[in-house]
Amino acid sequence: MDKAFVLGAGLGTRLRPLTDHLPKPLIPVFHRPLITYAFDHLLQAGVREFIVNTHHLPAKYAEAFPNSLYKNAPVTFRHEPVLLETAGGIANIAELVRDAPFLVYNGDILTDLPLAPLIETHERDGNLVTLALRSSVPARHIAFDPDRGLVTDIRNKLGTGNRGTHQFTGIYFVSPAFLDHLTPGKIESVIPIFLKLIANGARLGAAVLDGGMWWDLGDRASYLEAHRELHAMDATLALVSPESSIHPTARLLGCTVVGKGSEIAADAVLEDCILWPGARVAAGAHLKRCIVLEGSTARGNVSGADV
């Protein structure tokens, strides 16, 4: 297992207006793009090559990875002029992954789940696809039979009466034979394909990975909360970039993250805010739970808004 396909083509509609400026996998998390956390996680699991599909603002990926490398691992970008969704995206890279099993990884999650049990389960059970699941969460949409090691339904779409026992993490291990179940060029989600596999008796397996952390950074509330929880777990994470400018009379409260090149003027007060690189805060501004975007200037008394 040397390759991983990281899904980077989504529109990120729940995070607008943040994603009007960057694709969701490139939003900054403690001063670096979210997708680089996925890359590091995958490198630790043994991945040596990345494939990323793009659609929305593809030039931003070229800016972030001008040499198409991350820590000397090659990154292949596959653009989708028409958004193909998950199954269509995998079909679109088939010739790049047909030689061996590969990992699929949603580009909008932040996690350190142990991936070795997922790979071991896949190889041991001879699955076509093996999903990484969690049980210690409230949102459970995958029906999993641990005795057989098989997924039996998704949101009760097959009428089993089981609406779900586990949460799907957005990570799965795939055998090349799965590609034979996809239609090149077709716009479709992977979920109907999974349901067909279950109905036809194919091995759609799973591994339950309840260790580690897992966040879906799909909306602004989870984006802000992930910063707070990450810093609570690791106080060495730098809240303020050394390449920012903060007036001595400004006050930073709670988990306020200040990106590279940001400027905070006199008497400004920020509480639990995130400033993207190049953001500015005017003198006397009072901000609470705000996200200030690159090139924007926040003024006045603002709470719970993107500026």
C-alpha atoms as a PDB file:
ATOM      1  CA  MET A   1       0.000   0.000   0.000  1.00  0.00           C
ATOM      2  CA  ASP A   2       1.858   3.061  -1.276  1.00  0.00           C
ATOM      3  CA  LYS A   3      -0.862   5.426  -2.544  1.00  0.00           C
ATOM      4  CA  ALA A   4      -3.698   7.453  -1.069  1.00  0.00           C
ATOM      5  CA  PHE A   5      -6.460   9.355  -2.811  1.00  0.00           C
ATOM      6  CA  VAL A   6      -7.366  12.490  -0.847  1.00  0.00           C
ATOM      7  CA  LEU A   7     -10.704  14.008  -1.798  1.00  0.00           C
ATOM      8  CA  GLY A   8     -10.117  17.700  -2.416  1.00  0.00           C
ATOM      9  CA  ALA A   9     -12.725  18.632  -5.014  1.00  0.00           C
ATOM     10  CA  GLY A  10     -15.727  19.467  -2.814  1.00  0.00           C
ATOM     11  CA  LEU A  11     -17.336  22.894  -2.854  1.00  0.00           C
ATOM     12  CA  GLY A  12     -17.371  23.328   0.928  1.00  0.00           C
ATOM     13  CA  THR A  13     -20.795  24.983   0.879  1.00  0.00           C
ATOM     14  CA  ARG A  14     -21.291  24.720   4.665  1.00  0.00           C
ATOM     15  CA  LEU A  15     -18.097  26.715   5.221  1.00  0.00           C
ATOM     16  CA  ARG A  16     -18.922  29.626   2.951  1.00  0.00           C
ATOM     17  CA  PRO A  17     -17.748  32.370   2.779  1.00  0.00           C
ATOM     18  CA  LEU A  18     -14.450  30.803   3.909  1.00  0.00           C
ATOM     19  CA  THR A  19     -14.451  28.483   0.905  1.00  0.00           C
ATOM     20  CA  ASP A  20     -15.092  31.353  -1.486  1.00  0.00           C
ATOM     21  CA  HIS A  21     -11.401  32.097  -0.910  1.00  0.00           C
ATOM     22  CA  LEU A  22      -9.845  28.629  -0.545  1.00  0.00           C
ATOM     23  CA  PRO A  23     -10.853  25.019  -1.207  1.00  0.00           C
ATOM     24  CA  LYS A  24     -11.885  23.472   2.099  1.00  0.00           C
ATOM     25  CA  PRO A  25      -8.810  21.194   2.369  1.00  0.00           C
ATOM     26  CA  LEU A  26      -6.580  24.279   2.172  1.00  0.00           C
ATOM     27  CA  ILE A  27      -8.153  26.297   4.999  1.00  0.00           C
ATOM     28  CA  PRO A  28      -5.470  27.061   7.590  1.00  0.00           C
ATOM     29  CA  VAL A  29      -5.354  25.092  10.841  1.00  0.00           C
ATOM     30  CA  PHE A  30      -2.674  26.397  13.190  1.00  0.00           C
ATOM     31  CA  HIS A  31      -0.789  28.098  10.373  1.00  0.00           C
ATOM     32  CA  ARG A  32      -0.810  25.322   7.768  1.00  0.00           C
ATOM     33  CA  PRO A  33      -3.304  23.864   5.285  1.00  0.00           C
ATOM     34  CA  LEU A  34      -5.744  21.303   6.664  1.00  0.00           C
ATOM     35  CA  ILE A  35      -4.782  18.780   3.970  1.00  0.00           C
ATOM     36  CA  THR A  36      -1.192  18.638   5.248  1.00  0.00           C
ATOM     37  CA  TYR A  37      -2.462  17.010   8.448  1.00  0.00           C
ATOM     38  CA  ALA A  38      -3.977  14.278   6.270  1.00  0.00           C
ATOM     39  CA  PHE A  39      -0.703  13.925   4.388  1.00  0.00           C
ATOM     40  CA  ASP A  40       1.277  13.544   7.610  1.00  0.00           C
ATOM     41  CA  HIS A  41      -1.206  10.988   8.932  1.00  0.00           C
ATOM     42  CA  LEU A  42      -0.952   8.982   5.731  1.00  0.00           C
ATOM     43  CA  LEU A  43       2.836   9.153   5.619  1.00  0.00           C
ATOM     44  CA  GLN A  44       2.899   7.620   9.098  1.00  0.00           C
ATOM     45  CA  ALA A  45       0.695   4.787   7.777  1.00  0.00           C
ATOM     46  CA  GLY A  46       3.175   3.989   5.004  1.00  0.00           C
ATOM     47  CA  VAL A  47       1.787   6.030   2.109  1.00  0.00           C
ATOM     48  CA  ARG A  48       4.449   7.355  -0.228  1.00  0.00           C
ATOM     49  CA  GLU A  49       2.396   9.003  -2.962  1.00  0.00           C
ATOM     50  CA  PHE A  50      -0.692  11.213  -2.914  1.00  0.00           C
ATOM     51  CA  ILE A  51      -3.413  11.815  -5.480  1.00  0.00           C
ATOM     52  CA  VAL A  52      -5.753  14.757  -4.924  1.00  0.00           C
ATOM     53  CA  ASN A  53      -8.784  15.592  -7.037  1.00  0.00           C
ATOM     54  CA  THR A  54      -9.588  19.275  -7.564  1.00  0.00           C
ATOM     55  CA  HIS A  55     -12.530  21.285  -8.846  1.00  0.00           C
ATOM     56  CA  HIS A  56     -13.144  24.488  -6.905  1.00  0.00           C
ATOM     57  CA  LEU A  57     -10.279  27.039  -7.079  1.00  0.00           C
ATOM     58  CA  PRO A  58      -7.735  24.517  -8.426  1.00  0.00           C
ATOM     59  CA  ALA A  59      -5.006  27.149  -8.799  1.00  0.00           C
ATOM     60  CA  LYS A  60      -4.869  27.417  -5.006  1.00  0.00           C
ATOM     61  CA  TYR A  61      -3.500  23.881  -4.828  1.00  0.00           C
ATOM     62  CA  ALA A  62      -0.715  24.813  -7.238  1.00  0.00           C
ATOM     63  CA  GLU A  63       0.121  27.778  -5.003  1.00  0.00           C
ATOM     64  CA  ALA A  64       0.202  25.597  -1.893  1.00  0.00           C
ATOM     65  CA  PHE A  65       2.286  22.834  -3.524  1.00  0.00           C
ATOM     66  CA  PRO A  66       4.219  24.522  -6.356  1.00  0.00           C
ATOM     67  CA  ASN A  67       6.535  21.546  -6.852  1.00  0.00           C
ATOM     68  CA  SER A  68       3.771  18.927  -6.521  1.00  0.00           C
ATOM     69  CA  LEU A  69       5.605  17.520  -3.520  1.00  0.00           C
ATOM     70  CA  TYR A  70       4.943  17.207   0.186  1.00  0.00           C
ATOM     71  CA  LYS A  71       7.933  16.180   2.287  1.00  0.00           C
ATOM     72  CA  ASN A  72       9.461  14.653  -0.847  1.00  0.00           C
ATOM     73  CA  ALA A  73       6.323  12.567  -1.526  1.00  0.00           C
ATOM     74  CA  PRO A  74       4.842  13.241  -4.986  1.00  0.00           C
ATOM     75  CA  VAL A  75       1.374  14.782  -5.144  1.00  0.00           C
ATOM     76  CA  THR A  76      -0.609  14.241  -8.344  1.00  0.00           C
ATOM     77  CA  PHE A  77      -3.504  16.647  -8.860  1.00  0.00           C
ATOM     78  CA  ARG A  78      -6.379  15.397 -11.022  1.00  0.00           C
ATOM     79  CA  HIS A  79      -8.734  18.202 -11.991  1.00  0.00           C
ATOM     80  CA  GLU A  80     -12.448  17.619 -12.451  1.00  0.00           C
ATOM     81  CA  PRO A  81     -13.976  20.366 -14.653  1.00  0.00           C
ATOM     82  CA  VAL A  82     -17.331  18.859 -13.738  1.00  0.00           C
ATOM     83  CA  LEU A  83     -17.566  17.724 -10.117  1.00  0.00           C
ATOM     84  CA  LEU A  84     -17.775  13.931 -10.205  1.00  0.00           C
ATOM     85  CA  GLU A  85     -18.554  13.265  -6.505  1.00  0.00           C
ATOM     86  CA  THR A  86     -16.816  10.455  -4.617  1.00  0.00           C
ATOM     87  CA  ALA A  87     -17.373   7.382  -6.819  1.00  0.00           C
ATOM     88  CA  GLY A  88     -16.838   9.400  -9.978  1.00  0.00           C
ATOM     89  CA  GLY A  89     -13.671  10.882  -8.515  1.00  0.00           C
ATOM     90  CA  ILE A  90     -12.245   7.432  -7.760  1.00  0.00           C
ATOM     91  CA  ALA A  91     -13.149   6.216 -11.262  1.00  0.00           C
ATOM     92  CA  ASN A  92     -11.360   9.256 -12.667  1.00  0.00           C
ATOM     93  CA  ILE A  93      -8.034   8.183 -11.141  1.00  0.00           C
ATOM     94  CA  ALA A  94      -8.411   4.453 -11.862  1.00  0.00           C
ATOM     95  CA  GLU A  95      -5.292   4.165 -14.011  1.00  0.00           C
ATOM     96  CA  LEU A  96      -3.209   5.653 -11.188  1.00  0.00           C
ATOM     97  CA  VAL A  97      -4.284   3.130  -8.514  1.00  0.00           C
ATOM     98  CA  ARG A  98      -5.121  -0.067 -10.379  1.00  0.00           C
ATOM     99  CA  ASP A  99      -1.882  -1.815  -9.434  1.00  0.00           C
ATOM    100  CA  ALA A 100      -2.425  -2.175  -5.654  1.00  0.00           C
ATOM    101  CA  PRO A 101      -4.821  -1.448  -2.764  1.00  0.00           C
ATOM    102  CA  PHE A 102      -5.043   2.207  -1.787  1.00  0.00           C
ATOM    103  CA  LEU A 103      -6.506   4.454   0.894  1.00  0.00           C
ATOM    104  CA  VAL A 104      -9.278   6.976   0.273  1.00  0.00           C
ATOM    105  CA  TYR A 105      -9.339   9.909   2.692  1.00  0.00           C
ATOM    106  CA  ASN A 106     -11.807  12.795   2.904  1.00  0.00           C
ATOM    107  CA  GLY A 107      -9.989  16.103   2.596  1.00  0.00           C
ATOM    108  CA  ASP A 108     -12.118  17.923   5.176  1.00  0.00           C
ATOM    109  CA  ILE A 109     -11.375  15.795   8.240  1.00  0.00           C
ATOM    110  CA  LEU A 110      -8.706  16.175  10.891  1.00  0.00           C
ATOM    111  CA  THR A 111      -7.734  12.980  12.681  1.00  0.00           C
ATOM    112  CA  ASP A 112      -4.986  10.769  14.026  1.00  0.00           C
ATOM    113  CA  LEU A 113      -6.962   7.513  13.990  1.00  0.00           C
ATOM    114  CA  PRO A 114      -4.705   4.419  14.045  1.00  0.00           C
ATOM    115  CA  LEU A 115      -4.817   3.241  10.432  1.00  0.00           C
ATOM    116  CA  ALA A 116      -2.837   0.003  10.846  1.00  0.00           C
ATOM    117  CA  PRO A 117      -5.906  -1.953  12.136  1.00  0.00           C
ATOM    118  CA  LEU A 118      -7.877  -0.792   9.093  1.00  0.00           C
ATOM    119  CA  ILE A 119      -5.244  -2.118   6.696  1.00  0.00           C
ATOM    120  CA  GLU A 120      -4.792  -5.337   8.687  1.00  0.00           C
ATOM    121  CA  THR A 121      -8.558  -5.992   8.727  1.00  0.00           C
ATOM    122  CA  HIS A 122      -8.803  -5.423   4.984  1.00  0.00           C
ATOM    123  CA  GLU A 123      -6.005  -7.833   4.179  1.00  0.00           C
ATOM    124  CA  ARG A 124      -7.078 -10.477   6.708  1.00  0.00           C
ATOM    125  CA  ASP A 125     -10.749 -10.553   5.677  1.00  0.00           C
ATOM    126  CA  GLY A 126     -10.250 -10.254   1.935  1.00  0.00           C
ATOM    127  CA  ASN A 127     -12.638  -7.296   1.683  1.00  0.00           C
ATOM    128  CA  LEU A 128     -13.372  -5.375  -1.470  1.00  0.00           C
ATOM    129  CA  VAL A 129     -13.582  -2.197   0.617  1.00  0.00           C
ATOM    130  CA  THR A 130     -12.986  -1.703   4.345  1.00  0.00           C
ATOM    131  CA  LEU A 131     -14.455   1.358   6.064  1.00  0.00           C
ATOM    132  CA  ALA A 132     -12.949   3.042   9.115  1.00  0.00           C
ATOM    133  CA  LEU A 133     -15.771   3.433  11.656  1.00  0.00           C
ATOM    134  CA  ARG A 134     -16.246   4.896  15.113  1.00  0.00           C
ATOM    135  CA  SER A 135     -18.742   3.839  17.758  1.00  0.00           C
ATOM    136  CA  SER A 136     -18.068   6.457  20.432  1.00  0.00           C
ATOM    137  CA  VAL A 137     -20.034   9.213  18.671  1.00  0.00           C
ATOM    138  CA  PRO A 138     -23.702  10.275  18.486  1.00  0.00           C
ATOM    139  CA  ALA A 139     -24.031  10.325  14.671  1.00  0.00           C
ATOM    140  CA  ARG A 140     -24.294   6.670  13.617  1.00  0.00           C
ATOM    141  CA  HIS A 141     -25.392   5.848  10.088  1.00  0.00           C
ATOM    142  CA  ILE A 142     -23.501   2.639   9.247  1.00  0.00           C
ATOM    143  CA  ALA A 143     -24.965  -0.711  10.313  1.00  0.00           C
ATOM    144  CA  PHE A 144     -22.048  -2.999  11.138  1.00  0.00           C
ATOM    145  CA  ASP A 145     -22.140  -6.690  12.091  1.00  0.00           C
ATOM    146  CA  PRO A 146     -18.947  -7.301  14.125  1.00  0.00           C
ATOM    147  CA  ASP A 147     -19.420 -11.066  14.127  1.00  0.00           C
ATOM    148  CA  ARG A 148     -19.117 -11.223  10.345  1.00  0.00           C
ATOM    149  CA  GLY A 149     -17.019  -8.085   9.996  1.00  0.00           C
ATOM    150  CA  LEU A 150     -19.449  -6.718   7.405  1.00  0.00           C
ATOM    151  CA  VAL A 151     -21.410  -3.550   6.818  1.00  0.00           C
ATOM    152  CA  THR A 152     -25.065  -4.570   6.427  1.00  0.00           C
ATOM    153  CA  ASP A 153     -26.846  -1.277   5.708  1.00  0.00           C
ATOM    154  CA  ILE A 154     -26.418   2.500   5.496  1.00  0.00           C
ATOM    155  CA  ARG A 155     -29.152   4.716   6.964  1.00  0.00           C
ATOM    156  CA  ASN A 156     -31.585   1.791   6.551  1.00  0.00           C
ATOM    157  CA  LYS A 157     -31.511   2.295   2.772  1.00  0.00           C
ATOM    158  CA  LEU A 158     -31.740  -1.490   2.287  1.00  0.00           C
ATOM    159  CA  GLY A 159     -34.706  -1.785   4.614  1.00  0.00           C
ATOM    160  CA  THR A 160     -32.974  -3.876   7.261  1.00  0.00           C
ATOM    161  CA  GLY A 161     -34.519  -1.800  10.035  1.00  0.00           C
ATOM    162  CA  ASN A 162     -31.056  -0.823  11.267  1.00  0.00           C
ATOM    163  CA  ARG A 163     -30.455   2.896  10.850  1.00  0.00           C
ATOM    164  CA  GLY A 164     -26.885   2.619  12.071  1.00  0.00           C
ATOM    165  CA  THR A 165     -24.566   1.473  14.820  1.00  0.00           C
ATOM    166  CA  HIS A 166     -21.372   3.319  13.853  1.00  0.00           C
ATOM    167  CA  GLN A 167     -20.128   6.532  12.291  1.00  0.00           C
ATOM    168  CA  PHE A 168     -18.283   6.536   8.962  1.00  0.00           C
ATOM    169  CA  THR A 169     -15.045   8.511   9.318  1.00  0.00           C
ATOM    170  CA  GLY A 170     -14.481   9.276   5.638  1.00  0.00           C
ATOM    171  CA  ILE A 171     -11.482   6.927   5.440  1.00  0.00           C
ATOM    172  CA  TYR A 172     -11.540   3.572   3.663  1.00  0.00           C
ATOM    173  CA  PHE A 173      -9.151   1.011   2.218  1.00  0.00           C
ATOM    174  CA  VAL A 174      -9.907  -0.148  -1.317  1.00  0.00           C
ATOM    175  CA  SER A 175      -8.913  -3.151  -3.402  1.00  0.00           C
ATOM    176  CA  PRO A 176      -8.315  -2.480  -7.110  1.00  0.00           C
ATOM    177  CA  ALA A 177     -11.223  -4.810  -7.991  1.00  0.00           C
ATOM    178  CA  PHE A 178     -13.566  -2.169  -6.564  1.00  0.00           C
ATOM    179  CA  LEU A 179     -12.797  -0.050  -9.627  1.00  0.00           C
ATOM    180  CA  ASP A 180     -14.711  -2.567 -11.757  1.00  0.00           C
ATOM    181  CA  HIS A 181     -17.913  -1.480  -9.995  1.00  0.00           C
ATOM    182  CA  LEU A 182     -17.506   2.158 -11.050  1.00  0.00           C
ATOM    183  CA  THR A 183     -18.526   3.922 -14.255  1.00  0.00           C
ATOM    184  CA  PRO A 184     -15.900   6.304 -15.685  1.00  0.00           C
ATOM    185  CA  GLY A 185     -17.257   9.798 -16.197  1.00  0.00           C
ATOM    186  CA  LYS A 186     -20.426   9.190 -14.194  1.00  0.00           C
ATOM    187  CA  ILE A 187     -21.329  11.699 -11.504  1.00  0.00           C
ATOM    188  CA  GLU A 188     -22.199   9.625  -8.461  1.00  0.00           C
ATOM    189  CA  SER A 189     -21.606   9.227  -4.766  1.00  0.00           C
ATOM    190  CA  VAL A 190     -19.835   6.191  -3.390  1.00  0.00           C
ATOM    191  CA  ILE A 191     -22.761   5.396  -1.046  1.00  0.00           C
ATOM    192  CA  PRO A 192     -25.063   3.851  -3.696  1.00  0.00           C
ATOM    193  CA  ILE A 193     -22.116   1.752  -4.861  1.00  0.00           C
ATOM    194  CA  PHE A 194     -21.566   0.506  -1.314  1.00  0.00           C
ATOM    195  CA  LEU A 195     -25.265  -0.360  -1.026  1.00  0.00           C
ATOM    196  CA  LYS A 196     -25.104  -2.377  -4.255  1.00  0.00           C
ATOM    197  CA  LEU A 197     -22.094  -4.264  -2.944  1.00  0.00           C
ATOM    198  CA  ILE A 198     -23.979  -5.171   0.234  1.00  0.00           C
ATOM    199  CA  ALA A 199     -27.065  -6.228  -1.716  1.00  0.00           C
ATOM    200  CA  ASN A 200     -24.967  -8.414  -4.018  1.00  0.00           C
ATOM    201  CA  GLY A 201     -23.116 -10.128  -1.172  1.00  0.00           C
ATOM    202  CA  ALA A 202     -19.726  -8.530  -1.818  1.00  0.00           C
ATOM    203  CA  ARG A 203     -17.452  -7.997   1.167  1.00  0.00           C
ATOM    204  CA  LEU A 204     -17.903  -4.441   2.341  1.00  0.00           C
ATOM    205  CA  GLY A 205     -16.090  -4.683   5.649  1.00  0.00           C
ATOM    206  CA  ALA A 206     -15.117  -2.324   8.417  1.00  0.00           C
ATOM    207  CA  ALA A 207     -12.690  -1.744  11.256  1.00  0.00           C
ATOM    208  CA  VAL A 208     -13.810   0.110  14.378  1.00  0.00           C
ATOM    209  CA  LEU A 209     -11.212   2.748  15.295  1.00  0.00           C
ATOM    210  CA  ASP A 210     -12.274   4.425  18.522  1.00  0.00           C
ATOM    211  CA  GLY A 211      -8.802   5.569  19.516  1.00  0.00           C
ATOM    212  CA  GLY A 212      -7.394   8.972  18.718  1.00  0.00           C
ATOM    213  CA  MET A 213      -9.167  12.154  17.693  1.00  0.00           C
ATOM    214  CA  TRP A 214     -11.507  12.848  14.782  1.00  0.00           C
ATOM    215  CA  TRP A 215     -13.116  16.057  13.580  1.00  0.00           C
ATOM    216  CA  ASP A 216     -15.160  16.891  10.505  1.00  0.00           C
ATOM    217  CA  LEU A 217     -14.279  20.518   9.777  1.00  0.00           C
ATOM    218  CA  GLY A 218     -17.297  20.959   7.545  1.00  0.00           C
ATOM    219  CA  ASP A 219     -18.738  24.063   9.217  1.00  0.00           C
ATOM    220  CA  ARG A 220     -17.411  27.122  11.035  1.00  0.00           C
ATOM    221  CA  ALA A 221     -18.445  25.904  14.495  1.00  0.00           C
ATOM    222  CA  SER A 222     -16.424  22.693  14.146  1.00  0.00           C
ATOM    223  CA  TYR A 223     -13.539  24.645  12.601  1.00  0.00           C
ATOM    224  CA  LEU A 224     -13.356  26.944  15.623  1.00  0.00           C
ATOM    225  CA  GLU A 225     -13.891  24.107  18.097  1.00  0.00           C
ATOM    226  CA  ALA A 226     -11.132  21.979  16.570  1.00  0.00           C
ATOM    227  CA  HIS A 227      -8.646  24.783  17.184  1.00  0.00           C
ATOM    228  CA  ARG A 228      -9.724  25.077  20.802  1.00  0.00           C
ATOM    229  CA  GLU A 229      -9.560  21.328  21.432  1.00  0.00           C
ATOM    230  CA  LEU A 230      -6.254  20.907  19.612  1.00  0.00           C
ATOM    231  CA  HIS A 231      -4.642  23.620  21.689  1.00  0.00           C
ATOM    232  CA  ALA A 232      -6.055  22.125  24.890  1.00  0.00           C
ATOM    233  CA  MET A 233      -4.449  18.815  23.907  1.00  0.00           C
ATOM    234  CA  ASP A 234      -1.130  20.346  22.838  1.00  0.00           C
ATOM    235  CA  ALA A 235      -0.243  23.678  24.420  1.00  0.00           C
ATOM    236  CA  THR A 236       2.947  23.832  22.335  1.00  0.00           C
ATOM    237  CA  LEU A 237       0.922  24.690  19.244  1.00  0.00           C
ATOM    238  CA  ALA A 238       1.698  28.298  18.453  1.00  0.00           C
ATOM    239  CA  LEU A 239      -1.346  30.535  18.667  1.00  0.00           C
ATOM    240  CA  VAL A 240       0.428  33.515  17.136  1.00  0.00           C
ATOM    241  CA  SER A 241       2.675  33.446  14.098  1.00  0.00           C
ATOM    242  CA  PRO A 242       6.001  35.152  14.787  1.00  0.00           C
ATOM    243  CA  GLU A 243       5.544  36.836  11.413  1.00  0.00           C
ATOM    244  CA  SER A 244       2.475  38.780  12.560  1.00  0.00           C
ATOM    245  CA  SER A 245       2.228  42.316  13.971  1.00  0.00           C
ATOM    246  CA  ILE A 246       0.284  42.897  17.194  1.00  0.00           C
ATOM    247  CA  HIS A 247       0.100  46.283  18.918  1.00  0.00           C
ATOM    248  CA  PRO A 248       1.187  46.132  22.579  1.00  0.00           C
ATOM    249  CA  THR A 249      -2.225  47.399  23.733  1.00  0.00           C
ATOM    250  CA  ALA A 250      -4.192  44.732  21.847  1.00  0.00           C
ATOM    251  CA  ARG A 251      -5.560  41.793  23.877  1.00  0.00           C
ATOM    252  CA  LEU A 252      -5.890  38.204  22.709  1.00  0.00           C
ATOM    253  CA  LEU A 253      -8.232  36.056  24.791  1.00  0.00           C
ATOM    254  CA  GLY A 254      -9.116  32.379  24.758  1.00  0.00           C
ATOM    255  CA  CYS A 255      -7.967  30.388  21.752  1.00  0.00           C
ATOM    256  CA  THR A 256      -7.193  33.168  19.301  1.00  0.00           C
ATOM    257  CA  VAL A 257      -4.989  32.111  16.392  1.00  0.00           C
ATOM    258  CA  VAL A 258      -3.142  34.804  14.455  1.00  0.00           C
ATOM    259  CA  GLY A 259      -1.738  33.865  11.060  1.00  0.00           C
ATOM    260  CA  LYS A 260       1.393  34.914   9.224  1.00  0.00           C
ATOM    261  CA  GLY A 261       1.409  38.527   8.073  1.00  0.00           C
ATOM    262  CA  SER A 262      -1.674  39.468  10.107  1.00  0.00           C
ATOM    263  CA  GLU A 263      -1.898  42.887  11.743  1.00  0.00           C
ATOM    264  CA  ILE A 264      -3.794  43.787  14.922  1.00  0.00           C
ATOM    265  CA  ALA A 265      -4.005  47.469  15.749  1.00  0.00           C
ATOM    266  CA  ALA A 266      -4.124  49.329  19.073  1.00  0.00           C
ATOM    267  CA  ASP A 267      -6.728  48.503  21.732  1.00  0.00           C
ATOM    268  CA  ALA A 268      -8.293  45.681  19.719  1.00  0.00           C
ATOM    269  CA  VAL A 269      -9.742  42.789  21.746  1.00  0.00           C
ATOM    270  CA  LEU A 270     -10.074  39.326  20.195  1.00  0.00           C
ATOM    271  CA  GLU A 271     -11.635  36.308  21.893  1.00  0.00           C
ATOM    272  CA  ASP A 272     -11.612  32.817  20.357  1.00  0.00           C
ATOM    273  CA  CYS A 273     -10.944  34.171  16.863  1.00  0.00           C
ATOM    274  CA  ILE A 274      -8.964  32.906  13.884  1.00  0.00           C
ATOM    275  CA  LEU A 275      -7.041  35.318  11.688  1.00  0.00           C
ATOM    276  CA  TRP A 276      -5.980  33.885   8.357  1.00  0.00           C
ATOM    277  CA  PRO A 277      -2.595  34.930   6.971  1.00  0.00           C
ATOM    278  CA  GLY A 278      -2.704  38.549   5.886  1.00  0.00           C
ATOM    279  CA  ALA A 279      -5.809  39.446   7.912  1.00  0.00           C
ATOM    280  CA  ARG A 280      -6.130  42.800   9.671  1.00  0.00           C
ATOM    281  CA  VAL A 281      -7.973  44.064  12.735  1.00  0.00           C
ATOM    282  CA  ALA A 282      -8.594  47.795  13.079  1.00  0.00           C
ATOM    283  CA  ALA A 283      -7.889  49.852  16.185  1.00  0.00           C
ATOM    284  CA  GLY A 284     -10.467  49.431  18.939  1.00  0.00           C
ATOM    285  CA  ALA A 285     -12.230  46.477  17.318  1.00  0.00           C
ATOM    286  CA  HIS A 286     -13.845  43.911  19.616  1.00  0.00           C
ATOM    287  CA  LEU A 287     -14.211  40.474  18.016  1.00  0.00           C
ATOM    288  CA  LYS A 288     -15.600  37.259  19.494  1.00  0.00           C
ATOM    289  CA  ARG A 289     -15.612  33.884  17.677  1.00  0.00           C
ATOM    290  CA  CYS A 290     -14.828  35.588  14.386  1.00  0.00           C
ATOM    291  CA  ILE A 291     -12.815  34.367  11.414  1.00  0.00           C
ATOM    292  CA  VAL A 292     -10.988  37.150   9.566  1.00  0.00           C
ATOM    293  CA  LEU A 293      -9.996  36.190   6.034  1.00  0.00           C
ATOM    294  CA  GLU A 294      -6.850  37.014   4.101  1.00  0.00           C
ATOM    295  CA  GLY A 295      -6.891  40.603   2.918  1.00  0.00           C
ATOM    296  CA  SER A 296      -9.916  41.531   5.046  1.00  0.00           C
ATOM    297  CA  THR A 297     -10.067  44.138   7.797  1.00  0.00           C
ATOM    298  CA  ALA A 298     -12.317  43.629  10.821  1.00  0.00           C
ATOM    299  CA  ARG A 299     -13.742  46.734  12.483  1.00  0.00           C
ATOM    300  CA  GLY A 300     -16.142  47.531  15.274  1.00  0.00           C
ATOM    301  CA  ASN A 301     -17.897  45.133  17.645  1.00  0.00           C
ATOM    302  CA  VAL A 302     -18.485  41.812  15.885  1.00  0.00           C
ATOM    303  CA  SER A 303     -19.482  38.393  17.239  1.00  0.00           C
ATOM    304  CA  GLY A 304     -19.792  35.028  15.492  1.00  0.00           C
ATOM    305  CA  ALA A 305     -19.112  36.253  11.962  1.00  0.00           C
ATOM    306  CA  ASP A 306     -16.726  35.743   9.068  1.00  0.00           C
ATOM    307  CA  VAL A 307     -15.107  38.985   8.022  1.00  0.00           C
END
